[in-house]
Amino acid sequence: MLDFANLRIDNVDDLVATLEEELGGVSTQWWNANKSVVTGYLRSLAEATMQTRLALANGQIPPEAADMIMSNQKLAFTQTLQFTKFMTLVLAQQLLDAAFKVIGWVIYNKTGVNLAPSLVQPAGTDAS
């Protein structure tokens, strides 16, 4: 985690390295929060599909029931894809927020001018 209040960057290489560090951290947090959810959904759908096909093949359910079940599973899969697309957009927004936070702090620490009003200031400082 970066110490934004004491962030001192004097050249582009340092800025790029700092951005890489912050964006890497945001991406890792996002992946850790979402990897098990999507994997769990897909695993559950795959298992349900296999069970439906097996039940149909063994004559435990009629073709009409299998059709209805498979249709619902297709809807669930489509919903999982939509969730994944949405969460990818959330990641993109988090990455942009992180990049602008770093740049905002660099400017603030160099000039004292807060061009990013959403910066959270350490206690006892003024970001006017």
N, C-alpha and C. Protein backbone atom coordinates (compact mmCIF):
# COMPACT_ATOMS: atom_id res chain seq x y z
N MET A 1 0.85 -1.17 0.00
CA MET A 1 0.00 0.00 0.00
C MET A 1 0.89 1.24 0.00
N LEU A 2 0.61 2.12 -0.90
CA LEU A 2 1.41 3.33 -1.02
C LEU A 2 1.10 4.32 0.10
N ASP A 3 2.12 5.02 0.52
CA ASP A 3 1.95 6.13 1.47
C ASP A 3 1.79 7.39 0.62
N PHE A 4 0.56 7.70 0.27
CA PHE A 4 0.30 8.79 -0.66
C PHE A 4 0.75 10.14 -0.12
N ALA A 5 0.59 10.37 1.15
CA ALA A 5 0.94 11.67 1.71
C ALA A 5 2.44 11.96 1.60
N ASN A 6 3.24 10.91 1.55
CA ASN A 6 4.69 11.09 1.45
C ASN A 6 5.24 10.65 0.09
N LEU A 7 4.38 10.52 -0.87
CA LEU A 7 4.79 10.07 -2.20
C LEU A 7 5.56 11.18 -2.91
N ARG A 8 6.80 10.90 -3.22
CA ARG A 8 7.65 11.88 -3.92
C ARG A 8 8.14 11.24 -5.20
N ILE A 9 7.72 11.80 -6.30
CA ILE A 9 8.11 11.27 -7.61
C ILE A 9 8.73 12.41 -8.40
N ASP A 10 9.92 12.15 -8.93
CA ASP A 10 10.66 13.19 -9.62
C ASP A 10 10.87 12.94 -11.10
N ASN A 11 10.49 11.74 -11.58
CA ASN A 11 10.69 11.48 -13.00
C ASN A 11 9.63 10.48 -13.50
N VAL A 12 9.56 10.35 -14.79
CA VAL A 12 8.55 9.51 -15.42
C VAL A 12 8.74 8.04 -15.05
N ASP A 13 9.97 7.58 -14.96
CA ASP A 13 10.23 6.18 -14.61
C ASP A 13 9.67 5.85 -13.23
N ASP A 14 9.87 6.75 -12.27
CA ASP A 14 9.31 6.53 -10.94
C ASP A 14 7.79 6.54 -10.97
N LEU A 15 7.22 7.43 -11.77
CA LEU A 15 5.76 7.49 -11.89
C LEU A 15 5.21 6.20 -12.48
N VAL A 16 5.84 5.71 -13.53
CA VAL A 16 5.40 4.46 -14.16
C VAL A 16 5.53 3.29 -13.19
N ALA A 17 6.63 3.22 -12.47
CA ALA A 17 6.82 2.14 -11.50
C ALA A 17 5.77 2.21 -10.39
N THR A 18 5.46 3.40 -9.93
CA THR A 18 4.45 3.57 -8.89
C THR A 18 3.07 3.19 -9.41
N LEU A 19 2.75 3.61 -10.63
CA LEU A 19 1.47 3.23 -11.24
C LEU A 19 1.38 1.71 -11.40
N GLU A 20 2.45 1.08 -11.85
CA GLU A 20 2.45 -0.37 -12.00
C GLU A 20 2.19 -1.06 -10.66
N GLU A 21 2.82 -0.56 -9.62
CA GLU A 21 2.64 -1.14 -8.28
C GLU A 21 1.19 -0.99 -7.82
N GLU A 22 0.64 0.20 -7.95
CA GLU A 22 -0.72 0.45 -7.47
C GLU A 22 -1.75 -0.30 -8.31
N LEU A 23 -1.60 -0.27 -9.63
CA LEU A 23 -2.55 -0.96 -10.51
C LEU A 23 -2.44 -2.47 -10.34
N GLY A 24 -1.24 -2.96 -10.11
CA GLY A 24 -1.05 -4.39 -9.85
C GLY A 24 -1.76 -4.81 -8.57
N GLY A 25 -1.68 -3.97 -7.55
CA GLY A 25 -2.36 -4.27 -6.29
C GLY A 25 -3.87 -4.28 -6.45
N VAL A 26 -4.40 -3.30 -7.18
CA VAL A 26 -5.85 -3.23 -7.42
C VAL A 26 -6.30 -4.47 -8.19
N SER A 27 -5.55 -4.82 -9.22
CA SER A 27 -5.91 -5.99 -10.05
C SER A 27 -5.88 -7.28 -9.23
N THR A 28 -4.87 -7.43 -8.39
CA THR A 28 -4.76 -8.62 -7.55
C THR A 28 -5.94 -8.72 -6.58
N GLN A 29 -6.29 -7.60 -5.96
CA GLN A 29 -7.43 -7.60 -5.05
C GLN A 29 -8.71 -7.99 -5.79
N TRP A 30 -8.90 -7.43 -6.99
CA TRP A 30 -10.10 -7.73 -7.78
C TRP A 30 -10.13 -9.23 -8.12
N TRP A 31 -9.00 -9.75 -8.58
CA TRP A 31 -8.95 -11.16 -8.97
C TRP A 31 -9.24 -12.07 -7.78
N ASN A 32 -8.62 -11.76 -6.64
CA ASN A 32 -8.84 -12.59 -5.45
C ASN A 32 -10.29 -12.55 -4.99
N ALA A 33 -10.95 -11.42 -5.17
CA ALA A 33 -12.35 -11.30 -4.77
C ALA A 33 -13.31 -11.99 -5.73
N ASN A 34 -12.91 -12.14 -7.00
CA ASN A 34 -13.85 -12.63 -8.01
C ASN A 34 -13.56 -14.01 -8.58
N LYS A 35 -12.34 -14.50 -8.45
CA LYS A 35 -11.99 -15.76 -9.10
C LYS A 35 -12.82 -16.94 -8.59
N SER A 36 -13.05 -17.01 -7.30
CA SER A 36 -13.80 -18.15 -6.78
C SER A 36 -15.27 -18.05 -7.11
N VAL A 37 -15.80 -16.85 -7.22
CA VAL A 37 -17.22 -16.68 -7.54
C VAL A 37 -17.52 -17.21 -8.94
N VAL A 38 -16.77 -16.73 -9.92
CA VAL A 38 -17.01 -17.15 -11.30
C VAL A 38 -16.70 -18.64 -11.47
N THR A 39 -15.62 -19.09 -10.88
CA THR A 39 -15.27 -20.51 -10.97
C THR A 39 -16.37 -21.37 -10.36
N GLY A 40 -16.89 -20.93 -9.23
CA GLY A 40 -17.97 -21.67 -8.57
C GLY A 40 -19.23 -21.74 -9.43
N TYR A 41 -19.59 -20.61 -10.03
CA TYR A 41 -20.76 -20.59 -10.92
C TYR A 41 -20.58 -21.57 -12.07
N LEU A 42 -19.44 -21.50 -12.72
CA LEU A 42 -19.20 -22.35 -13.89
C LEU A 42 -19.15 -23.83 -13.50
N ARG A 43 -18.51 -24.13 -12.39
CA ARG A 43 -18.45 -25.52 -11.92
C ARG A 43 -19.85 -26.05 -11.62
N SER A 44 -20.65 -25.24 -10.97
CA SER A 44 -22.02 -25.63 -10.62
C SER A 44 -22.87 -25.86 -11.88
N LEU A 45 -22.73 -24.97 -12.84
CA LEU A 45 -23.49 -25.12 -14.10
C LEU A 45 -23.04 -26.37 -14.86
N ALA A 46 -21.75 -26.62 -14.90
CA ALA A 46 -21.24 -27.80 -15.60
C ALA A 46 -21.76 -29.08 -14.94
N GLU A 47 -21.72 -29.12 -13.62
CA GLU A 47 -22.21 -30.29 -12.89
C GLU A 47 -23.71 -30.50 -13.13
N ALA A 48 -24.47 -29.42 -13.08
CA ALA A 48 -25.93 -29.53 -13.30
C ALA A 48 -26.22 -30.02 -14.72
N THR A 49 -25.46 -29.55 -15.68
CA THR A 49 -25.65 -29.99 -17.07
C THR A 49 -25.36 -31.48 -17.21
N MET A 50 -24.26 -31.92 -16.62
CA MET A 50 -23.92 -33.34 -16.69
C MET A 50 -24.99 -34.20 -16.01
N GLN A 51 -25.48 -33.77 -14.88
CA GLN A 51 -26.51 -34.52 -14.17
C GLN A 51 -27.81 -34.58 -14.98
N THR A 52 -28.14 -33.49 -15.65
CA THR A 52 -29.34 -33.47 -16.48
C THR A 52 -29.19 -34.43 -17.66
N ARG A 53 -28.06 -34.39 -18.31
CA ARG A 53 -27.82 -35.29 -19.45
C ARG A 53 -27.84 -36.75 -19.00
N LEU A 54 -27.26 -37.03 -17.86
CA LEU A 54 -27.23 -38.39 -17.33
C LEU A 54 -28.65 -38.85 -16.96
N ALA A 55 -29.42 -37.97 -16.32
CA ALA A 55 -30.79 -38.31 -15.94
C ALA A 55 -31.64 -38.56 -17.19
N LEU A 56 -31.44 -37.79 -18.23
CA LEU A 56 -32.17 -37.99 -19.49
C LEU A 56 -31.77 -39.32 -20.12
N ALA A 57 -30.46 -39.60 -20.16
CA ALA A 57 -29.97 -40.84 -20.76
C ALA A 57 -30.45 -42.07 -20.00
N ASN A 58 -30.62 -41.96 -18.70
CA ASN A 58 -31.08 -43.08 -17.88
C ASN A 58 -32.60 -43.17 -17.80
N GLY A 59 -33.28 -42.27 -18.49
CA GLY A 59 -34.74 -42.29 -18.50
C GLY A 59 -35.37 -41.80 -17.20
N GLN A 60 -34.61 -41.10 -16.38
CA GLN A 60 -35.14 -40.60 -15.11
C GLN A 60 -35.99 -39.34 -15.29
N ILE A 61 -35.77 -38.63 -16.37
CA ILE A 61 -36.58 -37.45 -16.69
C ILE A 61 -36.97 -37.51 -18.16
N PRO A 62 -38.14 -36.97 -18.51
CA PRO A 62 -38.55 -36.97 -19.90
C PRO A 62 -37.80 -35.88 -20.69
N PRO A 63 -37.75 -36.01 -22.01
CA PRO A 63 -37.05 -35.01 -22.83
C PRO A 63 -37.56 -33.58 -22.61
N GLU A 64 -38.87 -33.42 -22.36
CA GLU A 64 -39.42 -32.08 -22.15
C GLU A 64 -38.82 -31.44 -20.89
N ALA A 65 -38.70 -32.25 -19.83
CA ALA A 65 -38.11 -31.74 -18.59
C ALA A 65 -36.64 -31.39 -18.80
N ALA A 66 -35.93 -32.24 -19.52
CA ALA A 66 -34.52 -31.98 -19.80
C ALA A 66 -34.37 -30.70 -20.61
N ASP A 67 -35.27 -30.50 -21.58
CA ASP A 67 -35.27 -29.27 -22.39
C ASP A 67 -35.43 -28.03 -21.50
N MET A 68 -36.41 -28.10 -20.60
CA MET A 68 -36.68 -26.97 -19.72
C MET A 68 -35.48 -26.72 -18.79
N ILE A 69 -34.92 -27.78 -18.24
CA ILE A 69 -33.77 -27.65 -17.34
C ILE A 69 -32.58 -27.05 -18.08
N MET A 70 -32.32 -27.57 -19.28
CA MET A 70 -31.18 -27.07 -20.06
C MET A 70 -31.39 -25.61 -20.47
N SER A 71 -32.62 -25.25 -20.75
CA SER A 71 -32.93 -23.85 -21.08
C SER A 71 -32.63 -22.95 -19.89
N ASN A 72 -33.02 -23.39 -18.68
CA ASN A 72 -32.73 -22.61 -17.47
C ASN A 72 -31.23 -22.53 -17.20
N GLN A 73 -30.53 -23.62 -17.49
CA GLN A 73 -29.08 -23.60 -17.30
C GLN A 73 -28.41 -22.65 -18.29
N LYS A 74 -28.95 -22.59 -19.49
CA LYS A 74 -28.43 -21.65 -20.48
C LYS A 74 -28.64 -20.21 -20.00
N LEU A 75 -29.80 -19.93 -19.43
CA LEU A 75 -30.07 -18.61 -18.88
C LEU A 75 -29.09 -18.29 -17.73
N ALA A 76 -28.84 -19.27 -16.88
CA ALA A 76 -27.91 -19.07 -15.77
C ALA A 76 -26.49 -18.81 -16.29
N PHE A 77 -26.10 -19.52 -17.34
CA PHE A 77 -24.78 -19.31 -17.93
C PHE A 77 -24.68 -17.90 -18.53
N THR A 78 -25.73 -17.48 -19.21
CA THR A 78 -25.76 -16.13 -19.80
C THR A 78 -25.66 -15.09 -18.69
N GLN A 79 -26.35 -15.32 -17.59
CA GLN A 79 -26.28 -14.41 -16.46
C GLN A 79 -24.86 -14.37 -15.88
N THR A 80 -24.20 -15.50 -15.82
CA THR A 80 -22.82 -15.55 -15.33
C THR A 80 -21.90 -14.75 -16.25
N LEU A 81 -22.11 -14.86 -17.56
CA LEU A 81 -21.32 -14.06 -18.51
C LEU A 81 -21.55 -12.57 -18.30
N GLN A 82 -22.80 -12.19 -18.10
CA GLN A 82 -23.11 -10.78 -17.86
C GLN A 82 -22.46 -10.28 -16.57
N PHE A 83 -22.51 -11.10 -15.53
CA PHE A 83 -21.86 -10.76 -14.26
C PHE A 83 -20.36 -10.55 -14.48
N THR A 84 -19.74 -11.45 -15.23
CA THR A 84 -18.31 -11.35 -15.49
C THR A 84 -17.98 -10.08 -16.27
N LYS A 85 -18.80 -9.75 -17.27
CA LYS A 85 -18.59 -8.50 -18.02
C LYS A 85 -18.73 -7.30 -17.10
N PHE A 86 -19.74 -7.31 -16.24
CA PHE A 86 -19.94 -6.20 -15.31
C PHE A 86 -18.75 -6.06 -14.37
N MET A 87 -18.29 -7.17 -13.82
CA MET A 87 -17.17 -7.11 -12.89
C MET A 87 -15.89 -6.66 -13.58
N THR A 88 -15.76 -6.93 -14.86
CA THR A 88 -14.60 -6.44 -15.62
C THR A 88 -14.68 -4.93 -15.77
N LEU A 89 -15.89 -4.41 -15.96
CA LEU A 89 -16.06 -2.95 -16.00
C LEU A 89 -15.76 -2.33 -14.64
N VAL A 90 -16.14 -3.01 -13.58
CA VAL A 90 -15.81 -2.54 -12.23
C VAL A 90 -14.29 -2.46 -12.08
N LEU A 91 -13.58 -3.49 -12.55
CA LEU A 91 -12.12 -3.48 -12.48
C LEU A 91 -11.56 -2.30 -13.27
N ALA A 92 -12.07 -2.07 -14.46
CA ALA A 92 -11.58 -0.95 -15.27
C ALA A 92 -11.75 0.37 -14.53
N GLN A 93 -12.90 0.55 -13.89
CA GLN A 93 -13.14 1.79 -13.12
C GLN A 93 -12.19 1.88 -11.94
N GLN A 94 -11.95 0.77 -11.26
CA GLN A 94 -11.03 0.78 -10.12
C GLN A 94 -9.61 1.12 -10.57
N LEU A 95 -9.22 0.61 -11.75
CA LEU A 95 -7.88 0.91 -12.26
C LEU A 95 -7.75 2.39 -12.61
N LEU A 96 -8.77 2.94 -13.25
CA LEU A 96 -8.74 4.38 -13.56
C LEU A 96 -8.70 5.21 -12.29
N ASP A 97 -9.52 4.85 -11.31
CA ASP A 97 -9.52 5.57 -10.04
C ASP A 97 -8.14 5.53 -9.39
N ALA A 98 -7.52 4.36 -9.40
CA ALA A 98 -6.19 4.21 -8.79
C ALA A 98 -5.15 5.06 -9.52
N ALA A 99 -5.19 5.05 -10.85
CA ALA A 99 -4.23 5.82 -11.63
C ALA A 99 -4.38 7.32 -11.35
N PHE A 100 -5.62 7.80 -11.34
CA PHE A 100 -5.83 9.22 -11.08
C PHE A 100 -5.52 9.59 -9.63
N LYS A 101 -5.69 8.65 -8.72
CA LYS A 101 -5.34 8.90 -7.32
C LYS A 101 -3.83 9.10 -7.20
N VAL A 102 -3.06 8.22 -7.84
CA VAL A 102 -1.60 8.34 -7.80
C VAL A 102 -1.18 9.68 -8.41
N ILE A 103 -1.70 9.97 -9.60
CA ILE A 103 -1.32 11.22 -10.28
C ILE A 103 -1.76 12.43 -9.47
N GLY A 104 -2.96 12.36 -8.89
CA GLY A 104 -3.43 13.47 -8.06
C GLY A 104 -2.53 13.72 -6.86
N TRP A 105 -2.10 12.63 -6.20
CA TRP A 105 -1.20 12.79 -5.06
C TRP A 105 0.17 13.31 -5.48
N VAL A 106 0.65 12.85 -6.63
CA VAL A 106 1.95 13.35 -7.11
C VAL A 106 1.87 14.86 -7.31
N ILE A 107 0.81 15.31 -7.95
CA ILE A 107 0.64 16.75 -8.18
C ILE A 107 0.48 17.50 -6.86
N TYR A 108 -0.35 16.95 -5.97
CA TYR A 108 -0.58 17.61 -4.69
C TYR A 108 0.72 17.71 -3.87
N ASN A 109 1.47 16.61 -3.82
CA ASN A 109 2.70 16.61 -3.04
C ASN A 109 3.77 17.50 -3.63
N LYS A 110 3.77 17.70 -4.94
CA LYS A 110 4.76 18.56 -5.60
C LYS A 110 4.38 20.03 -5.51
N THR A 111 3.06 20.32 -5.67
CA THR A 111 2.64 21.71 -5.82
C THR A 111 1.78 22.23 -4.68
N GLY A 112 1.17 21.31 -3.92
CA GLY A 112 0.23 21.72 -2.89
C GLY A 112 -1.15 22.01 -3.44
N VAL A 113 -1.33 21.81 -4.75
CA VAL A 113 -2.62 22.06 -5.39
C VAL A 113 -3.35 20.73 -5.56
N ASN A 114 -4.59 20.69 -5.07
CA ASN A 114 -5.38 19.46 -5.16
C ASN A 114 -6.28 19.54 -6.40
N LEU A 115 -5.85 18.87 -7.45
CA LEU A 115 -6.64 18.83 -8.68
C LEU A 115 -7.62 17.68 -8.70
N ALA A 116 -7.54 16.81 -7.72
CA ALA A 116 -8.43 15.65 -7.62
C ALA A 116 -9.16 15.73 -6.29
N PRO A 117 -10.30 16.38 -6.27
CA PRO A 117 -11.00 16.64 -5.00
C PRO A 117 -11.36 15.38 -4.21
N SER A 118 -11.29 14.23 -4.82
CA SER A 118 -11.65 13.01 -4.09
C SER A 118 -10.47 12.42 -3.30
N LEU A 119 -9.33 13.09 -3.30
CA LEU A 119 -8.20 12.58 -2.52
C LEU A 119 -8.54 12.63 -1.05
N VAL A 120 -8.20 11.58 -0.36
CA VAL A 120 -8.41 11.53 1.09
C VAL A 120 -7.14 12.06 1.73
N GLN A 121 -7.29 13.10 2.51
CA GLN A 121 -6.15 13.74 3.12
C GLN A 121 -5.82 13.12 4.47
N PRO A 122 -4.53 13.03 4.79
CA PRO A 122 -4.16 12.59 6.13
C PRO A 122 -4.70 13.57 7.16
N ALA A 123 -4.92 13.10 8.38
CA ALA A 123 -5.45 13.95 9.45
C ALA A 123 -4.52 15.15 9.67
N GLY A 124 -5.11 16.31 9.83
CA GLY A 124 -4.36 17.51 10.15
C GLY A 124 -3.81 18.25 8.95
N THR A 125 -4.21 17.85 7.73
CA THR A 125 -3.73 18.59 6.55
C THR A 125 -4.90 19.20 5.84
N ASP A 126 -4.60 20.17 5.01
CA ASP A 126 -5.63 20.86 4.25
C ASP A 126 -5.34 20.67 2.77
N ALA A 127 -6.34 20.21 2.02
CA ALA A 127 -6.14 19.93 0.58
C ALA A 127 -6.86 20.95 -0.26
N SER A 128 -6.83 22.18 0.11
CA SER A 128 -7.56 23.20 -0.66
C SER A 128 -6.86 23.59 -1.92
